[in-house]
Amino acid sequence: IKNVIKKMKRIGAPLILTVRSKDEGGQRDIPDKLKLNIFKDNISLVDA
């Protein structure tokens, strides 16, 4: 995940990090603990 986001960052456009829940249109169910870690691990790479 981090490597993909780093690649996106090189494009130069602002980044929004989204881990959508399945109930609200996400493709898969991601456990809340993992979802929170994804946000924490990558917050420095994104703008929102």
All heavy atoms as atom14 arrays in JSON, in Angstrom:
{
  "sequence": "IKNVIKKMKRIGAPLILTVRSKDEGGQRDIPDKLKLNIFKDNISLVDA",
  "atom14_mask": [
    [1, 1, 1, 1, 1, 1, 1, 1, 0, 0, 0, 0, 0, 0],
    [1, 1, 1, 1, 1, 1, 1, 1, 1, 0, 0, 0, 0, 0],
    [1, 1, 1, 1, 1, 1, 1, 1, 0, 0, 0, 0, 0, 0],
    [1, 1, 1, 1, 1, 1, 1, 0, 0, 0, 0, 0, 0, 0],
    [1, 1, 1, 1, 1, 1, 1, 1, 0, 0, 0, 0, 0, 0],
    [1, 1, 1, 1, 1, 1, 1, 1, 1, 0, 0, 0, 0, 0],
    [1, 1, 1, 1, 1, 1, 1, 1, 1, 0, 0, 0, 0, 0],
    [1, 1, 1, 1, 1, 1, 1, 1, 0, 0, 0, 0, 0, 0],
    [1, 1, 1, 1, 1, 1, 1, 1, 1, 0, 0, 0, 0, 0],
    [1, 1, 1, 1, 1, 1, 1, 1, 1, 1, 1, 0, 0, 0],
    [1, 1, 1, 1, 1, 1, 1, 1, 0, 0, 0, 0, 0, 0],
    [1, 1, 1, 1, 0, 0, 0, 0, 0, 0, 0, 0, 0, 0],
    [1, 1, 1, 1, 1, 0, 0, 0, 0, 0, 0, 0, 0, 0],
    [1, 1, 1, 1, 1, 1, 1, 0, 0, 0, 0, 0, 0, 0],
    [1, 1, 1, 1, 1, 1, 1, 1, 0, 0, 0, 0, 0, 0],
    [1, 1, 1, 1, 1, 1, 1, 1, 0, 0, 0, 0, 0, 0],
    [1, 1, 1, 1, 1, 1, 1, 1, 0, 0, 0, 0, 0, 0],
    [1, 1, 1, 1, 1, 1, 1, 0, 0, 0, 0, 0, 0, 0],
    [1, 1, 1, 1, 1, 1, 1, 0, 0, 0, 0, 0, 0, 0],
    [1, 1, 1, 1, 1, 1, 1, 1, 1, 1, 1, 0, 0, 0],
    [1, 1, 1, 1, 1, 1, 0, 0, 0, 0, 0, 0, 0, 0],
    [1, 1, 1, 1, 1, 1, 1, 1, 1, 0, 0, 0, 0, 0],
    [1, 1, 1, 1, 1, 1, 1, 1, 0, 0, 0, 0, 0, 0],
    [1, 1, 1, 1, 1, 1, 1, 1, 1, 0, 0, 0, 0, 0],
    [1, 1, 1, 1, 0, 0, 0, 0, 0, 0, 0, 0, 0, 0],
    [1, 1, 1, 1, 0, 0, 0, 0, 0, 0, 0, 0, 0, 0],
    [1, 1, 1, 1, 1, 1, 1, 1, 1, 0, 0, 0, 0, 0],
    [1, 1, 1, 1, 1, 1, 1, 1, 1, 1, 1, 0, 0, 0],
    [1, 1, 1, 1, 1, 1, 1, 1, 0, 0, 0, 0, 0, 0],
    [1, 1, 1, 1, 1, 1, 1, 1, 0, 0, 0, 0, 0, 0],
    [1, 1, 1, 1, 1, 1, 1, 0, 0, 0, 0, 0, 0, 0],
    [1, 1, 1, 1, 1, 1, 1, 1, 0, 0, 0, 0, 0, 0],
    [1, 1, 1, 1, 1, 1, 1, 1, 1, 0, 0, 0, 0, 0],
    [1, 1, 1, 1, 1, 1, 1, 1, 0, 0, 0, 0, 0, 0],
    [1, 1, 1, 1, 1, 1, 1, 1, 1, 0, 0, 0, 0, 0],
    [1, 1, 1, 1, 1, 1, 1, 1, 0, 0, 0, 0, 0, 0],
    [1, 1, 1, 1, 1, 1, 1, 1, 0, 0, 0, 0, 0, 0],
    [1, 1, 1, 1, 1, 1, 1, 1, 0, 0, 0, 0, 0, 0],
    [1, 1, 1, 1, 1, 1, 1, 1, 1, 1, 1, 0, 0, 0],
    [1, 1, 1, 1, 1, 1, 1, 1, 1, 0, 0, 0, 0, 0],
    [1, 1, 1, 1, 1, 1, 1, 1, 0, 0, 0, 0, 0, 0],
    [1, 1, 1, 1, 1, 1, 1, 1, 0, 0, 0, 0, 0, 0],
    [1, 1, 1, 1, 1, 1, 1, 1, 0, 0, 0, 0, 0, 0],
    [1, 1, 1, 1, 1, 1, 0, 0, 0, 0, 0, 0, 0, 0],
    [1, 1, 1, 1, 1, 1, 1, 1, 0, 0, 0, 0, 0, 0],
    [1, 1, 1, 1, 1, 1, 1, 0, 0, 0, 0, 0, 0, 0],
    [1, 1, 1, 1, 1, 1, 1, 1, 0, 0, 0, 0, 0, 0],
    [1, 1, 1, 1, 1, 0, 0, 0, 0, 0, 0, 0, 0, 0]
  ],
  "atom14_positions": [
    [[0.84, -1.21, 0.0], [0.0, 0.0, 0.0], [0.87, 1.26, 0.0], [0.65, 2.19, -0.78], [-0.94, 0.0, 1.22], [-2.0, -1.1, 1.08], [-1.63, 1.36, 1.38], [-2.84, -1.32, 2.31], [0.0, 0.0, 0.0], [0.0, 0.0, 0.0], [0.0, 0.0, 0.0], [0.0, 0.0, 0.0], [0.0, 0.0, 0.0], [0.0, 0.0, 0.0]],
    [[1.87, 1.27, 0.87], [2.73, 2.45, 0.95], [3.46, 2.72, -0.37], [3.58, 3.87, -0.79], [3.74, 2.29, 2.1], [4.57, 3.54, 2.37], [5.47, 3.37, 3.57], [4.7, 3.43, 4.86], [4.19, 4.79, 5.16], [0.0, 0.0, 0.0], [0.0, 0.0, 0.0], [0.0, 0.0, 0.0], [0.0, 0.0, 0.0], [0.0, 0.0, 0.0]],
    [[3.94, 1.66, -1.01], [4.65, 1.84, -2.28], [3.75, 2.4, -3.37], [4.17, 3.24, -4.17], [5.27, 0.5, -2.74], [6.5, 0.12, -1.93], [7.14, 0.98, -1.32], [6.82, -1.16, -1.89], [0.0, 0.0, 0.0], [0.0, 0.0, 0.0], [0.0, 0.0, 0.0], [0.0, 0.0, 0.0], [0.0, 0.0, 0.0], [0.0, 0.0, 0.0]],
    [[2.5, 1.94, -3.42], [1.55, 2.47, -4.4], [1.3, 3.96, -4.14], [1.29, 4.78, -5.07], [0.23, 1.68, -4.38], [-0.81, 2.37, -5.27], [0.44, 0.25, -4.83], [0.0, 0.0, 0.0], [0.0, 0.0, 0.0], [0.0, 0.0, 0.0], [0.0, 0.0, 0.0], [0.0, 0.0, 0.0], [0.0, 0.0, 0.0], [0.0, 0.0, 0.0]],
    [[1.1, 4.31, -2.88], [0.82, 5.71, -2.54], [2.03, 6.59, -2.85], [1.89, 7.72, -3.35], [0.4, 5.83, -1.07], [-0.95, 5.12, -0.85], [0.29, 7.3, -0.65], [-1.4, 5.06, 0.58], [0.0, 0.0, 0.0], [0.0, 0.0, 0.0], [0.0, 0.0, 0.0], [0.0, 0.0, 0.0], [0.0, 0.0, 0.0], [0.0, 0.0, 0.0]],
    [[3.23, 6.1, -2.58], [4.44, 6.85, -2.92], [4.52, 7.12, -4.42], [4.92, 8.21, -4.86], [5.68, 6.09, -2.45], [5.93, 6.17, -0.95], [7.19, 5.4, -0.59], [7.5, 5.53, 0.9], [8.72, 4.75, 1.26], [0.0, 0.0, 0.0], [0.0, 0.0, 0.0], [0.0, 0.0, 0.0], [0.0, 0.0, 0.0], [0.0, 0.0, 0.0]],
    [[4.12, 6.13, -5.21], [4.12, 6.3, -6.67], [3.12, 7.37, -7.07], [3.39, 8.21, -7.93], [3.79, 4.97, -7.34], [3.85, 5.02, -8.85], [3.57, 3.66, -9.46], [3.62, 3.72, -10.98], [3.32, 2.4, -11.6], [0.0, 0.0, 0.0], [0.0, 0.0, 0.0], [0.0, 0.0, 0.0], [0.0, 0.0, 0.0], [0.0, 0.0, 0.0]],
    [[1.94, 7.35, -6.44], [0.93, 8.36, -6.72], [1.42, 9.76, -6.34], [1.14, 10.74, -7.04], [-0.36, 8.05, -5.95], [-1.01, 6.74, -6.3], [-1.73, 6.74, -7.94], [-2.41, 5.07, -7.98], [0.0, 0.0, 0.0], [0.0, 0.0, 0.0], [0.0, 0.0, 0.0], [0.0, 0.0, 0.0], [0.0, 0.0, 0.0], [0.0, 0.0, 0.0]],
    [[2.14, 9.84, -5.27], [2.61, 11.14, -4.78], [3.54, 11.81, -5.79], [3.55, 13.04, -5.92], [3.32, 10.97, -3.44], [3.64, 12.29, -2.74], [4.17, 12.05, -1.34], [4.47, 13.38, -0.65], [3.24, 14.18, -0.43], [0.0, 0.0, 0.0], [0.0, 0.0, 0.0], [0.0, 0.0, 0.0], [0.0, 0.0, 0.0], [0.0, 0.0, 0.0]],
    [[4.28, 11.02, -6.54], [5.22, 11.56, -7.51], [4.51, 12.26, -8.67], [5.14, 13.06, -9.39], [6.13, 10.45, -8.04], [7.13, 9.95, -7.01], [8.25, 9.17, -7.68], [7.81, 7.89, -8.19], [7.84, 6.74, -7.51], [8.3, 6.72, -6.25], [7.43, 5.62, -8.05], [0.0, 0.0, 0.0], [0.0, 0.0, 0.0], [0.0, 0.0, 0.0]],
    [[3.23, 12.01, -8.84], [2.47, 12.66, -9.92], [2.35, 14.15, -9.67], [2.32, 14.95, -10.59], [1.08, 12.01, -10.06], [1.25, 10.55, -10.5], [0.19, 12.77, -11.03], [0.0, 9.73, -10.38], [0.0, 0.0, 0.0], [0.0, 0.0, 0.0], [0.0, 0.0, 0.0], [0.0, 0.0, 0.0], [0.0, 0.0, 0.0], [0.0, 0.0, 0.0]],
    [[2.26, 14.53, -8.38], [2.24, 15.94, -8.04], [0.9, 16.52, -7.71], [0.8, 17.69, -7.33], [0.0, 0.0, 0.0], [0.0, 0.0, 0.0], [0.0, 0.0, 0.0], [0.0, 0.0, 0.0], [0.0, 0.0, 0.0], [0.0, 0.0, 0.0], [0.0, 0.0, 0.0], [0.0, 0.0, 0.0], [0.0, 0.0, 0.0], [0.0, 0.0, 0.0]],
    [[-0.17, 15.74, -7.86], [-1.51, 16.22, -7.51], [-1.78, 15.91, -6.03], [-1.26, 14.95, -5.48], [-2.56, 15.53, -8.38], [0.0, 0.0, 0.0], [0.0, 0.0, 0.0], [0.0, 0.0, 0.0], [0.0, 0.0, 0.0], [0.0, 0.0, 0.0], [0.0, 0.0, 0.0], [0.0, 0.0, 0.0], [0.0, 0.0, 0.0], [0.0, 0.0, 0.0]],
    [[-2.61, 16.72, -5.36], [-2.99, 16.41, -3.98], [-3.66, 15.04, -3.89], [-4.38, 14.62, -4.81], [-3.99, 17.52, -3.63], [-3.68, 18.61, -4.58], [-3.23, 17.96, -5.84], [0.0, 0.0, 0.0], [0.0, 0.0, 0.0], [0.0, 0.0, 0.0], [0.0, 0.0, 0.0], [0.0, 0.0, 0.0], [0.0, 0.0, 0.0], [0.0, 0.0, 0.0]],
    [[-3.43, 14.36, -2.77], [-3.94, 13.0, -2.58], [-4.96, 12.94, -1.45], [-4.74, 13.51, -0.38], [-2.79, 12.05, -2.25], [-1.63, 11.96, -3.25], [-0.59, 10.97, -2.73], [-2.11, 11.57, -4.64], [0.0, 0.0, 0.0], [0.0, 0.0, 0.0], [0.0, 0.0, 0.0], [0.0, 0.0, 0.0], [0.0, 0.0, 0.0], [0.0, 0.0, 0.0]],
    [[-6.07, 12.24, -1.7], [-7.04, 11.9, -0.66], [-6.94, 10.4, -0.42], [-7.06, 9.61, -1.36], [-8.48, 12.25, -1.08], [-8.64, 13.74, -1.37], [-9.48, 11.81, -0.01], [-9.98, 14.1, -1.99], [0.0, 0.0, 0.0], [0.0, 0.0, 0.0], [0.0, 0.0, 0.0], [0.0, 0.0, 0.0], [0.0, 0.0, 0.0], [0.0, 0.0, 0.0]],
    [[-6.74, 10.01, 0.82], [-6.66, 8.59, 1.17], [-8.02, 8.11, 1.66], [-8.57, 8.64, 2.63], [-5.6, 8.39, 2.27], [-5.44, 6.96, 2.8], [-5.07, 5.99, 1.68], [-4.38, 6.92, 3.91], [0.0, 0.0, 0.0], [0.0, 0.0, 0.0], [0.0, 0.0, 0.0], [0.0, 0.0, 0.0], [0.0, 0.0, 0.0], [0.0, 0.0, 0.0]],
    [[-8.57, 7.13, 0.95], [-9.89, 6.58, 1.28], [-9.8, 5.07, 1.41], [-9.21, 4.41, 0.54], [-10.92, 6.93, 0.18], [-10.99, 8.35, 0.03], [-12.29, 6.4, 0.51], [0.0, 0.0, 0.0], [0.0, 0.0, 0.0], [0.0, 0.0, 0.0], [0.0, 0.0, 0.0], [0.0, 0.0, 0.0], [0.0, 0.0, 0.0], [0.0, 0.0, 0.0]],
    [[-10.39, 4.54, 2.48], [-10.5, 3.08, 2.67], [-11.99, 2.81, 2.91], [-12.42, 2.63, 4.04], [-9.64, 2.58, 3.84], [-9.52, 1.06, 3.8], [-8.25, 3.22, 3.83], [0.0, 0.0, 0.0], [0.0, 0.0, 0.0], [0.0, 0.0, 0.0], [0.0, 0.0, 0.0], [0.0, 0.0, 0.0], [0.0, 0.0, 0.0], [0.0, 0.0, 0.0]],
    [[-12.76, 2.82, 1.83], [-14.22, 2.81, 1.95], [-14.74, 1.49, 2.52], [-14.28, 0.41, 2.13], [-14.84, 3.06, 0.57], [-16.35, 3.16, 0.56], [-16.84, 4.41, 1.25], [-16.47, 5.6, 0.49], [-15.86, 6.64, 1.05], [-15.55, 6.65, 2.34], [-15.54, 7.69, 0.32], [0.0, 0.0, 0.0], [0.0, 0.0, 0.0], [0.0, 0.0, 0.0]],
    [[-15.68, 1.59, 3.44], [-16.31, 0.39, 4.0], [-17.24, -0.23, 2.97], [-17.8, 0.47, 2.1], [-17.1, 0.75, 5.26], [-18.24, 1.51, 4.94], [0.0, 0.0, 0.0], [0.0, 0.0, 0.0], [0.0, 0.0, 0.0], [0.0, 0.0, 0.0], [0.0, 0.0, 0.0], [0.0, 0.0, 0.0], [0.0, 0.0, 0.0], [0.0, 0.0, 0.0]],
    [[-17.42, -1.53, 3.05], [-18.26, -2.23, 2.07], [-19.7, -1.75, 2.15], [-20.39, -1.65, 1.13], [-18.18, -3.73, 2.3], [-18.75, -4.54, 1.14], [-18.39, -6.01, 1.25], [-18.87, -6.76, 0.01], [-18.53, -8.21, 0.11], [0.0, 0.0, 0.0], [0.0, 0.0, 0.0], [0.0, 0.0, 0.0], [0.0, 0.0, 0.0], [0.0, 0.0, 0.0]],
    [[-20.19, -1.44, 3.35], [-21.56, -0.98, 3.52], [-21.82, 0.33, 2.79], [-22.96, 0.64, 2.47], [-21.89, -0.78, 5.01], [-22.02, -2.09, 5.76], [-22.18, -3.13, 5.08], [-21.96, -2.08, 6.99], [0.0, 0.0, 0.0], [0.0, 0.0, 0.0], [0.0, 0.0, 0.0], [0.0, 0.0, 0.0], [0.0, 0.0, 0.0], [0.0, 0.0, 0.0]],
    [[-20.76, 1.1, 2.53], [-20.93, 2.4, 1.89], [-20.3, 2.45, 0.5], [-19.98, 3.53, -0.01], [-20.38, 3.51, 2.79], [-21.1, 3.58, 4.13], [-21.0, 4.92, 4.82], [-20.79, 5.94, 4.13], [-21.15, 4.95, 6.06], [0.0, 0.0, 0.0], [0.0, 0.0, 0.0], [0.0, 0.0, 0.0], [0.0, 0.0, 0.0], [0.0, 0.0, 0.0]],
    [[-20.15, 1.26, -0.1], [-19.69, 1.22, -1.48], [-18.29, 0.69, -1.69], [-17.8, 0.67, -2.82], [0.0, 0.0, 0.0], [0.0, 0.0, 0.0], [0.0, 0.0, 0.0], [0.0, 0.0, 0.0], [0.0, 0.0, 0.0], [0.0, 0.0, 0.0], [0.0, 0.0, 0.0], [0.0, 0.0, 0.0], [0.0, 0.0, 0.0], [0.0, 0.0, 0.0]],
    [[-17.61, 0.26, -0.61], [-16.28, -0.3, -0.75], [-16.31, -1.66, -1.41], [-17.33, -2.35, -1.42], [0.0, 0.0, 0.0], [0.0, 0.0, 0.0], [0.0, 0.0, 0.0], [0.0, 0.0, 0.0], [0.0, 0.0, 0.0], [0.0, 0.0, 0.0], [0.0, 0.0, 0.0], [0.0, 0.0, 0.0], [0.0, 0.0, 0.0], [0.0, 0.0, 0.0]],
    [[-15.16, -2.05, -1.94], [-15.09, -3.33, -2.65], [-14.94, -4.51, -1.7], [-15.39, -5.6, -2.0], [-13.91, -3.31, -3.63], [-13.82, -4.55, -4.51], [-12.88, -4.35, -5.67], [-13.09, -3.49, -6.52], [-11.81, -5.14, -5.7], [0.0, 0.0, 0.0], [0.0, 0.0, 0.0], [0.0, 0.0, 0.0], [0.0, 0.0, 0.0], [0.0, 0.0, 0.0]],
    [[-14.33, -4.28, -0.55], [-14.1, -5.39, 0.38], [-14.23, -4.88, 1.81], [-14.14, -3.69, 2.08], [-12.71, -5.98, 0.19], [-11.59, -5.01, 0.55], [-10.25, -5.71, 0.61], [-9.68, -5.88, -0.72], [-8.57, -6.55, -0.96], [-7.92, -7.13, 0.03], [-8.08, -6.64, -2.17], [0.0, 0.0, 0.0], [0.0, 0.0, 0.0], [0.0, 0.0, 0.0]],
    [[-14.47, -5.82, 2.71], [-14.48, -5.5, 4.13], [-13.05, -5.52, 4.66], [-12.37, -6.54, 4.56], [-15.33, -6.51, 4.91], [-16.8, -6.11, 4.94], [-17.09, -4.91, 5.04], [-17.65, -7.01, 4.84], [0.0, 0.0, 0.0], [0.0, 0.0, 0.0], [0.0, 0.0, 0.0], [0.0, 0.0, 0.0], [0.0, 0.0, 0.0], [0.0, 0.0, 0.0]],
    [[-12.61, -4.42, 5.2], [-11.28, -4.34, 5.82], [-11.5, -4.12, 7.31], [-12.19, -3.17, 7.7], [-10.45, -3.2, 5.21], [-10.19, -3.49, 3.72], [-9.14, -3.02, 5.95], [-9.41, -2.41, 3.0], [0.0, 0.0, 0.0], [0.0, 0.0, 0.0], [0.0, 0.0, 0.0], [0.0, 0.0, 0.0], [0.0, 0.0, 0.0], [0.0, 0.0, 0.0]],
    [[-10.95, -4.97, 8.16], [-11.15, -4.83, 9.61], [-10.75, -3.43, 10.09], [-9.8, -2.82, 9.57], [-10.24, -5.9, 10.2], [-10.07, -6.92, 9.11], [-10.11, -6.13, 7.82], [0.0, 0.0, 0.0], [0.0, 0.0, 0.0], [0.0, 0.0, 0.0], [0.0, 0.0, 0.0], [0.0, 0.0, 0.0], [0.0, 0.0, 0.0], [0.0, 0.0, 0.0]],
    [[-11.47, -2.93, 11.07], [-11.24, -1.56, 11.55], [-9.81, -1.34, 12.02], [-9.23, -0.27, 11.78], [-12.22, -1.23, 12.68], [-13.64, -1.04, 12.18], [-13.8, -0.61, 11.02], [-14.58, -1.33, 12.93], [0.0, 0.0, 0.0], [0.0, 0.0, 0.0], [0.0, 0.0, 0.0], [0.0, 0.0, 0.0], [0.0, 0.0, 0.0], [0.0, 0.0, 0.0]],
    [[-9.24, -2.33, 12.68], [-7.87, -2.17, 13.17], [-6.9, -1.98, 12.01], [-6.02, -1.1, 12.05], [-7.46, -3.39, 14.01], [-6.08, -3.26, 14.62], [-5.76, -4.46, 15.51], [-4.36, -4.32, 16.12], [-4.03, -5.48, 17.0], [0.0, 0.0, 0.0], [0.0, 0.0, 0.0], [0.0, 0.0, 0.0], [0.0, 0.0, 0.0], [0.0, 0.0, 0.0]],
    [[-7.04, -2.78, 10.97], [-6.18, -2.66, 9.8], [-6.45, -1.34, 9.08], [-5.51, -0.65, 8.64], [-6.42, -3.83, 8.84], [-5.69, -3.78, 7.5], [-4.18, -3.66, 7.7], [-6.03, -5.02, 6.66], [0.0, 0.0, 0.0], [0.0, 0.0, 0.0], [0.0, 0.0, 0.0], [0.0, 0.0, 0.0], [0.0, 0.0, 0.0], [0.0, 0.0, 0.0]],
    [[-7.71, -0.97, 8.99], [-8.09, 0.28, 8.33], [-7.44, 1.48, 9.03], [-6.88, 2.37, 8.38], [-9.61, 0.41, 8.34], [-10.17, 1.55, 7.53], [-11.69, 1.44, 7.47], [-12.31, 2.62, 6.74], [-13.78, 2.49, 6.63], [0.0, 0.0, 0.0], [0.0, 0.0, 0.0], [0.0, 0.0, 0.0], [0.0, 0.0, 0.0], [0.0, 0.0, 0.0]],
    [[-7.49, 1.48, 10.36], [-6.88, 2.57, 11.12], [-5.37, 2.6, 10.9], [-4.78, 3.68, 10.73], [-7.2, 2.41, 12.61], [-6.63, 3.48, 13.54], [-7.11, 4.87, 13.15], [-7.0, 3.18, 14.99], [0.0, 0.0, 0.0], [0.0, 0.0, 0.0], [0.0, 0.0, 0.0], [0.0, 0.0, 0.0], [0.0, 0.0, 0.0], [0.0, 0.0, 0.0]],
    [[-4.75, 1.44, 10.87], [-3.3, 1.38, 10.64], [-2.93, 1.9, 9.25], [-1.88, 2.54, 9.08], [-2.79, -0.04, 10.82], [-2.72, -0.46, 12.28], [-2.64, 0.39, 13.16], [-2.76, -1.75, 12.54], [0.0, 0.0, 0.0], [0.0, 0.0, 0.0], [0.0, 0.0, 0.0], [0.0, 0.0, 0.0], [0.0, 0.0, 0.0], [0.0, 0.0, 0.0]],
    [[-3.78, 1.63, 8.25], [-3.53, 2.14, 6.9], [-3.51, 3.67, 6.92], [-2.63, 4.31, 6.33], [-4.58, 1.61, 5.91], [-4.39, 0.11, 5.7], [-4.49, 2.35, 4.58], [-5.53, -0.57, 4.94], [0.0, 0.0, 0.0], [0.0, 0.0, 0.0], [0.0, 0.0, 0.0], [0.0, 0.0, 0.0], [0.0, 0.0, 0.0], [0.0, 0.0, 0.0]],
    [[-4.48, 4.26, 7.61], [-4.51, 5.72, 7.71], [-3.27, 6.24, 8.44], [-2.61, 7.19, 7.99], [-5.77, 6.18, 8.44], [-7.01, 6.2, 7.59], [-8.07, 5.36, 7.87], [-7.12, 7.06, 6.52], [-9.23, 5.38, 7.09], [-8.26, 7.09, 5.73], [-9.31, 6.24, 6.02], [0.0, 0.0, 0.0], [0.0, 0.0, 0.0], [0.0, 0.0, 0.0]],
    [[-2.94, 5.63, 9.57], [-1.81, 6.11, 10.36], [-0.49, 5.95, 9.61], [0.37, 6.84, 9.65], [-1.75, 5.36, 11.69], [-2.83, 5.76, 12.68], [-2.66, 5.01, 14.0], [-3.64, 5.5, 15.04], [-3.49, 4.78, 16.33], [0.0, 0.0, 0.0], [0.0, 0.0, 0.0], [0.0, 0.0, 0.0], [0.0, 0.0, 0.0], [0.0, 0.0, 0.0]],
    [[-0.31, 4.82, 8.93], [0.95, 4.54, 8.25], [1.21, 5.46, 7.06], [2.36, 5.67, 6.68], [0.97, 3.08, 7.76], [1.09, 2.08, 8.9], [1.39, 2.49, 10.03], [0.86, 0.87, 8.65], [0.0, 0.0, 0.0], [0.0, 0.0, 0.0], [0.0, 0.0, 0.0], [0.0, 0.0, 0.0], [0.0, 0.0, 0.0], [0.0, 0.0, 0.0]],
    [[0.14, 5.98, 6.47], [0.3, 6.72, 5.22], [-0.12, 8.19, 5.3], [-0.11, 8.89, 4.29], [-0.5, 6.01, 4.12], [0.02, 4.62, 3.85], [1.08, 4.43, 3.26], [-0.72, 3.61, 4.32], [0.0, 0.0, 0.0], [0.0, 0.0, 0.0], [0.0, 0.0, 0.0], [0.0, 0.0, 0.0], [0.0, 0.0, 0.0], [0.0, 0.0, 0.0]],
    [[-0.47, 8.66, 6.5], [-0.97, 10.02, 6.65], [0.04, 11.07, 6.19], [-0.32, 12.11, 5.64], [-1.4, 10.29, 8.12], [-2.18, 11.6, 8.23], [-0.21, 10.3, 9.05], [-3.56, 11.54, 7.66], [0.0, 0.0, 0.0], [0.0, 0.0, 0.0], [0.0, 0.0, 0.0], [0.0, 0.0, 0.0], [0.0, 0.0, 0.0], [0.0, 0.0, 0.0]],
    [[1.33, 10.79, 6.35], [2.35, 11.76, 5.98], [2.48, 11.91, 4.46], [3.04, 12.9, 3.98], [3.7, 11.36, 6.57], [4.15, 10.14, 6.01], [0.0, 0.0, 0.0], [0.0, 0.0, 0.0], [0.0, 0.0, 0.0], [0.0, 0.0, 0.0], [0.0, 0.0, 0.0], [0.0, 0.0, 0.0], [0.0, 0.0, 0.0], [0.0, 0.0, 0.0]],
    [[1.97, 10.93, 3.7], [2.12, 10.94, 2.25], [0.97, 11.62, 1.53], [1.08, 11.9, 0.34], [2.25, 9.49, 1.73], [3.45, 8.69, 2.23], [3.33, 7.25, 1.76], [4.75, 9.3, 1.76], [0.0, 0.0, 0.0], [0.0, 0.0, 0.0], [0.0, 0.0, 0.0], [0.0, 0.0, 0.0], [0.0, 0.0, 0.0], [0.0, 0.0, 0.0]],
    [[-0.13, 11.87, 2.24], [-1.33, 12.38, 1.57], [-1.69, 13.77, 2.09], [-1.1, 14.28, 3.04], [-2.52, 11.41, 1.77], [-2.17, 10.03, 1.21], [-2.93, 11.3, 3.23], [0.0, 0.0, 0.0], [0.0, 0.0, 0.0], [0.0, 0.0, 0.0], [0.0, 0.0, 0.0], [0.0, 0.0, 0.0], [0.0, 0.0, 0.0], [0.0, 0.0, 0.0]],
    [[-2.69, 14.37, 1.45], [-3.11, 15.72, 1.82], [-4.44, 15.74, 2.57], [-4.76, 16.73, 3.23], [-3.23, 16.58, 0.56], [-1.91, 16.67, -0.18], [-1.07, 17.5, 0.22], [-1.7, 15.9, -1.13], [0.0, 0.0, 0.0], [0.0, 0.0, 0.0], [0.0, 0.0, 0.0], [0.0, 0.0, 0.0], [0.0, 0.0, 0.0], [0.0, 0.0, 0.0]],
    [[-5.2, 14.66, 2.45], [-6.5, 14.58, 3.12], [-6.89, 13.12, 3.3], [-6.39, 12.24, 2.58], [-7.57, 15.31, 2.3], [0.0, 0.0, 0.0], [0.0, 0.0, 0.0], [0.0, 0.0, 0.0], [0.0, 0.0, 0.0], [0.0, 0.0, 0.0], [0.0, 0.0, 0.0], [0.0, 0.0, 0.0], [0.0, 0.0, 0.0], [0.0, 0.0, 0.0]]
  ]
}
